[in-house]
Amino acid sequence: MEKRKCQRFPVMLPALFFGERAGGGLVVDVSLEGCRIRSAVPMHKGDYVRIRIDLIGDTLSGDLAVVRWSRKEEFGVELIRMASDQQARLRGFLHLFSTTPVGEATTSAAEVH
């Protein structure tokens, strides 16, 4: 079973991406380090893009992301470079979904004993 560094949160947010291929899609899950996008634009593993995500009245911009996987009409991107204010905006948005501050380690009661 795969263990992820960052928790993913299900969302439905419009997004635009620009690079060798450009287009739009729908972010269907997001984490502090990346997201999964549903789009009719065919993307390939290794493609580099800039990305803009509509955060419900606000826009989040990623300066550089790489496609880590692609299948049918979905692909996953890793956010490689993002301005610090954009990173803070993403962290704040993700905090809306979590009871633990995003990016902080959690310790369960079983781990304490």
C-alpha atoms as a PDB file:
ATOM      1  CA  MET A   1       0.000   0.000   0.000  1.00  0.00           C
ATOM      2  CA  GLU A   2       1.331   3.420  -0.979  1.00  0.00           C
ATOM      3  CA  LYS A   3       2.028   5.895   1.845  1.00  0.00           C
ATOM      4  CA  ARG A   4       1.730   9.546   0.818  1.00  0.00           C
ATOM      5  CA  LYS A   5       3.662  12.388   2.412  1.00  0.00           C
ATOM      6  CA  CYS A   6       0.758  14.815   2.129  1.00  0.00           C
ATOM      7  CA  GLN A   7      -2.933  14.173   2.649  1.00  0.00           C
ATOM      8  CA  ARG A   8      -5.135  14.603  -0.428  1.00  0.00           C
ATOM      9  CA  PHE A   9      -8.462  16.381  -0.263  1.00  0.00           C
ATOM     10  CA  PRO A  10     -11.313  15.845  -2.749  1.00  0.00           C
ATOM     11  CA  VAL A  11     -12.343  19.048  -4.525  1.00  0.00           C
ATOM     12  CA  MET A  12     -13.924  20.191  -7.783  1.00  0.00           C
ATOM     13  CA  LEU A  13     -12.004  23.294  -8.859  1.00  0.00           C
ATOM     14  CA  PRO A  14     -11.584  24.678 -12.393  1.00  0.00           C
ATOM     15  CA  ALA A  15      -7.970  24.851 -13.573  1.00  0.00           C
ATOM     16  CA  LEU A  16      -5.967  26.054 -16.553  1.00  0.00           C
ATOM     17  CA  PHE A  17      -2.534  24.754 -17.494  1.00  0.00           C
ATOM     18  CA  PHE A  18       0.040  26.107 -19.935  1.00  0.00           C
ATOM     19  CA  GLY A  19       3.109  24.479 -21.434  1.00  0.00           C
ATOM     20  CA  GLU A  20       3.817  22.317 -24.472  1.00  0.00           C
ATOM     21  CA  ARG A  21       0.139  21.475 -24.225  1.00  0.00           C
ATOM     22  CA  ALA A  22      -2.381  23.975 -22.883  1.00  0.00           C
ATOM     23  CA  GLY A  23      -5.945  23.603 -21.805  1.00  0.00           C
ATOM     24  CA  GLY A  24      -8.337  23.418 -18.959  1.00  0.00           C
ATOM     25  CA  GLY A  25      -9.737  20.862 -16.625  1.00  0.00           C
ATOM     26  CA  LEU A  26     -11.093  20.145 -13.204  1.00  0.00           C
ATOM     27  CA  VAL A  27      -8.911  19.540 -10.151  1.00  0.00           C
ATOM     28  CA  VAL A  28     -10.525  16.540  -8.419  1.00  0.00           C
ATOM     29  CA  ASP A  29      -8.105  16.199  -5.531  1.00  0.00           C
ATOM     30  CA  VAL A  30      -5.369  18.397  -4.132  1.00  0.00           C
ATOM     31  CA  SER A  31      -2.541  18.211  -1.610  1.00  0.00           C
ATOM     32  CA  LEU A  32       0.233  20.517  -0.504  1.00  0.00           C
ATOM     33  CA  GLU A  33       2.521  18.977  -3.142  1.00  0.00           C
ATOM     34  CA  GLY A  34       0.264  18.388  -6.134  1.00  0.00           C
ATOM     35  CA  CYS A  35      -3.120  17.571  -7.584  1.00  0.00           C
ATOM     36  CA  ARG A  36      -5.083  15.257  -9.860  1.00  0.00           C
ATOM     37  CA  ILE A  37      -6.707  16.914 -12.866  1.00  0.00           C
ATOM     38  CA  ARG A  38      -9.484  15.612 -15.097  1.00  0.00           C
ATOM     39  CA  SER A  39      -9.156  17.000 -18.635  1.00  0.00           C
ATOM     40  CA  ALA A  40      -9.839  16.082 -22.259  1.00  0.00           C
ATOM     41  CA  VAL A  41      -6.373  17.443 -23.153  1.00  0.00           C
ATOM     42  CA  PRO A  42      -3.966  14.500 -23.412  1.00  0.00           C
ATOM     43  CA  MET A  43      -0.957  14.959 -21.137  1.00  0.00           C
ATOM     44  CA  HIS A  44       2.153  12.802 -20.906  1.00  0.00           C
ATOM     45  CA  LYS A  45       4.355  11.819 -18.014  1.00  0.00           C
ATOM     46  CA  GLY A  46       7.219  14.314 -17.849  1.00  0.00           C
ATOM     47  CA  ASP A  47       5.324  17.266 -19.381  1.00  0.00           C
ATOM     48  CA  TYR A  48       6.017  20.570 -17.602  1.00  0.00           C
ATOM     49  CA  VAL A  49       3.236  23.103 -17.117  1.00  0.00           C
ATOM     50  CA  ARG A  50       2.301  26.291 -15.333  1.00  0.00           C
ATOM     51  CA  ILE A  51      -1.020  25.954 -13.574  1.00  0.00           C
ATOM     52  CA  ARG A  52      -3.805  28.238 -12.355  1.00  0.00           C
ATOM     53  CA  ILE A  53      -6.493  26.887 -10.050  1.00  0.00           C
ATOM     54  CA  ASP A  54      -9.695  28.754  -9.172  1.00  0.00           C
ATOM     55  CA  LEU A  55      -9.996  28.581  -5.374  1.00  0.00           C
ATOM     56  CA  ILE A  56     -13.577  29.815  -5.200  1.00  0.00           C
ATOM     57  CA  GLY A  57     -13.136  33.538  -5.703  1.00  0.00           C
ATOM     58  CA  ASP A  58      -9.347  33.463  -5.543  1.00  0.00           C
ATOM     59  CA  THR A  59      -6.689  32.191  -7.947  1.00  0.00           C
ATOM     60  CA  LEU A  60      -3.762  29.962  -7.072  1.00  0.00           C
ATOM     61  CA  SER A  61      -0.790  29.967  -9.461  1.00  0.00           C
ATOM     62  CA  GLY A  62       1.956  27.391  -9.732  1.00  0.00           C
ATOM     63  CA  ASP A  63       5.016  28.542 -11.690  1.00  0.00           C
ATOM     64  CA  LEU A  64       6.195  25.015 -12.495  1.00  0.00           C
ATOM     65  CA  ALA A  65       4.564  21.597 -12.205  1.00  0.00           C
ATOM     66  CA  VAL A  66       5.469  18.253 -13.753  1.00  0.00           C
ATOM     67  CA  VAL A  67       3.074  15.548 -14.878  1.00  0.00           C
ATOM     68  CA  ARG A  68       3.952  12.452 -12.809  1.00  0.00           C
ATOM     69  CA  TRP A  69       1.344  10.130 -14.326  1.00  0.00           C
ATOM     70  CA  SER A  70      -1.363  10.186 -16.981  1.00  0.00           C
ATOM     71  CA  ARG A  71      -4.189   7.824 -17.906  1.00  0.00           C
ATOM     72  CA  LYS A  72      -7.277   8.323 -20.026  1.00  0.00           C
ATOM     73  CA  GLU A  73      -8.693  11.737 -19.100  1.00  0.00           C
ATOM     74  CA  GLU A  74      -6.796  12.287 -15.844  1.00  0.00           C
ATOM     75  CA  PHE A  75      -3.265  13.192 -14.882  1.00  0.00           C
ATOM     76  CA  GLY A  76      -1.389  13.977 -11.709  1.00  0.00           C
ATOM     77  CA  VAL A  77       0.986  16.894 -11.277  1.00  0.00           C
ATOM     78  CA  GLU A  78       3.635  17.605  -8.694  1.00  0.00           C
ATOM     79  CA  LEU A  79       3.941  21.287  -7.824  1.00  0.00           C
ATOM     80  CA  ILE A  80       7.665  22.011  -8.156  1.00  0.00           C
ATOM     81  CA  ARG A  81       7.898  25.790  -7.949  1.00  0.00           C
ATOM     82  CA  MET A  82       5.377  28.157  -6.418  1.00  0.00           C
ATOM     83  CA  ALA A  83       5.814  31.670  -5.005  1.00  0.00           C
ATOM     84  CA  SER A  84       5.767  31.777  -1.208  1.00  0.00           C
ATOM     85  CA  ASP A  85       2.508  33.748  -1.115  1.00  0.00           C
ATOM     86  CA  GLN A  86       0.890  31.148  -3.382  1.00  0.00           C
ATOM     87  CA  GLN A  87       2.199  28.333  -1.175  1.00  0.00           C
ATOM     88  CA  ALA A  88       0.687  30.095   1.861  1.00  0.00           C
ATOM     89  CA  ARG A  89      -2.614  30.489  -0.010  1.00  0.00           C
ATOM     90  CA  LEU A  90      -2.662  26.766  -0.824  1.00  0.00           C
ATOM     91  CA  ARG A  91      -1.824  25.865   2.778  1.00  0.00           C
ATOM     92  CA  GLY A  92      -4.659  28.114   4.019  1.00  0.00           C
ATOM     93  CA  PHE A  93      -7.111  26.588   1.550  1.00  0.00           C
ATOM     94  CA  LEU A  94      -6.184  23.037   2.567  1.00  0.00           C
ATOM     95  CA  HIS A  95      -6.498  23.990   6.226  1.00  0.00           C
ATOM     96  CA  LEU A  96     -10.239  24.411   5.611  1.00  0.00           C
ATOM     97  CA  PHE A  97     -10.447  20.615   5.135  1.00  0.00           C
ATOM     98  CA  SER A  98      -8.300  19.524   8.052  1.00  0.00           C
ATOM     99  CA  THR A  99      -8.466  19.654  11.823  1.00  0.00           C
ATOM    100  CA  THR A 100      -4.661  19.451  11.976  1.00  0.00           C
ATOM    101  CA  PRO A 101      -2.656  22.322  10.399  1.00  0.00           C
ATOM    102  CA  VAL A 102      -1.535  21.173   6.951  1.00  0.00           C
ATOM    103  CA  GLY A 103       2.141  20.315   6.814  1.00  0.00           C
ATOM    104  CA  GLU A 104       2.418  19.522  10.542  1.00  0.00           C
ATOM    105  CA  ALA A 105       3.038  16.003  11.781  1.00  0.00           C
ATOM    106  CA  THR A 106       0.277  14.260  13.663  1.00  0.00           C
ATOM    107  CA  THR A 107       0.718  11.800  16.485  1.00  0.00           C
ATOM    108  CA  SER A 108      -1.983   9.307  17.375  1.00  0.00           C
ATOM    109  CA  ALA A 109      -2.703   8.225  20.941  1.00  0.00           C
ATOM    110  CA  ALA A 110      -1.300   4.764  20.106  1.00  0.00           C
ATOM    111  CA  GLU A 111       2.048   6.297  19.091  1.00  0.00           C
ATOM    112  CA  VAL A 112       2.348   8.283  22.328  1.00  0.00           C
ATOM    113  CA  HIS A 113       2.212   5.227  24.617  1.00  0.00           C
END
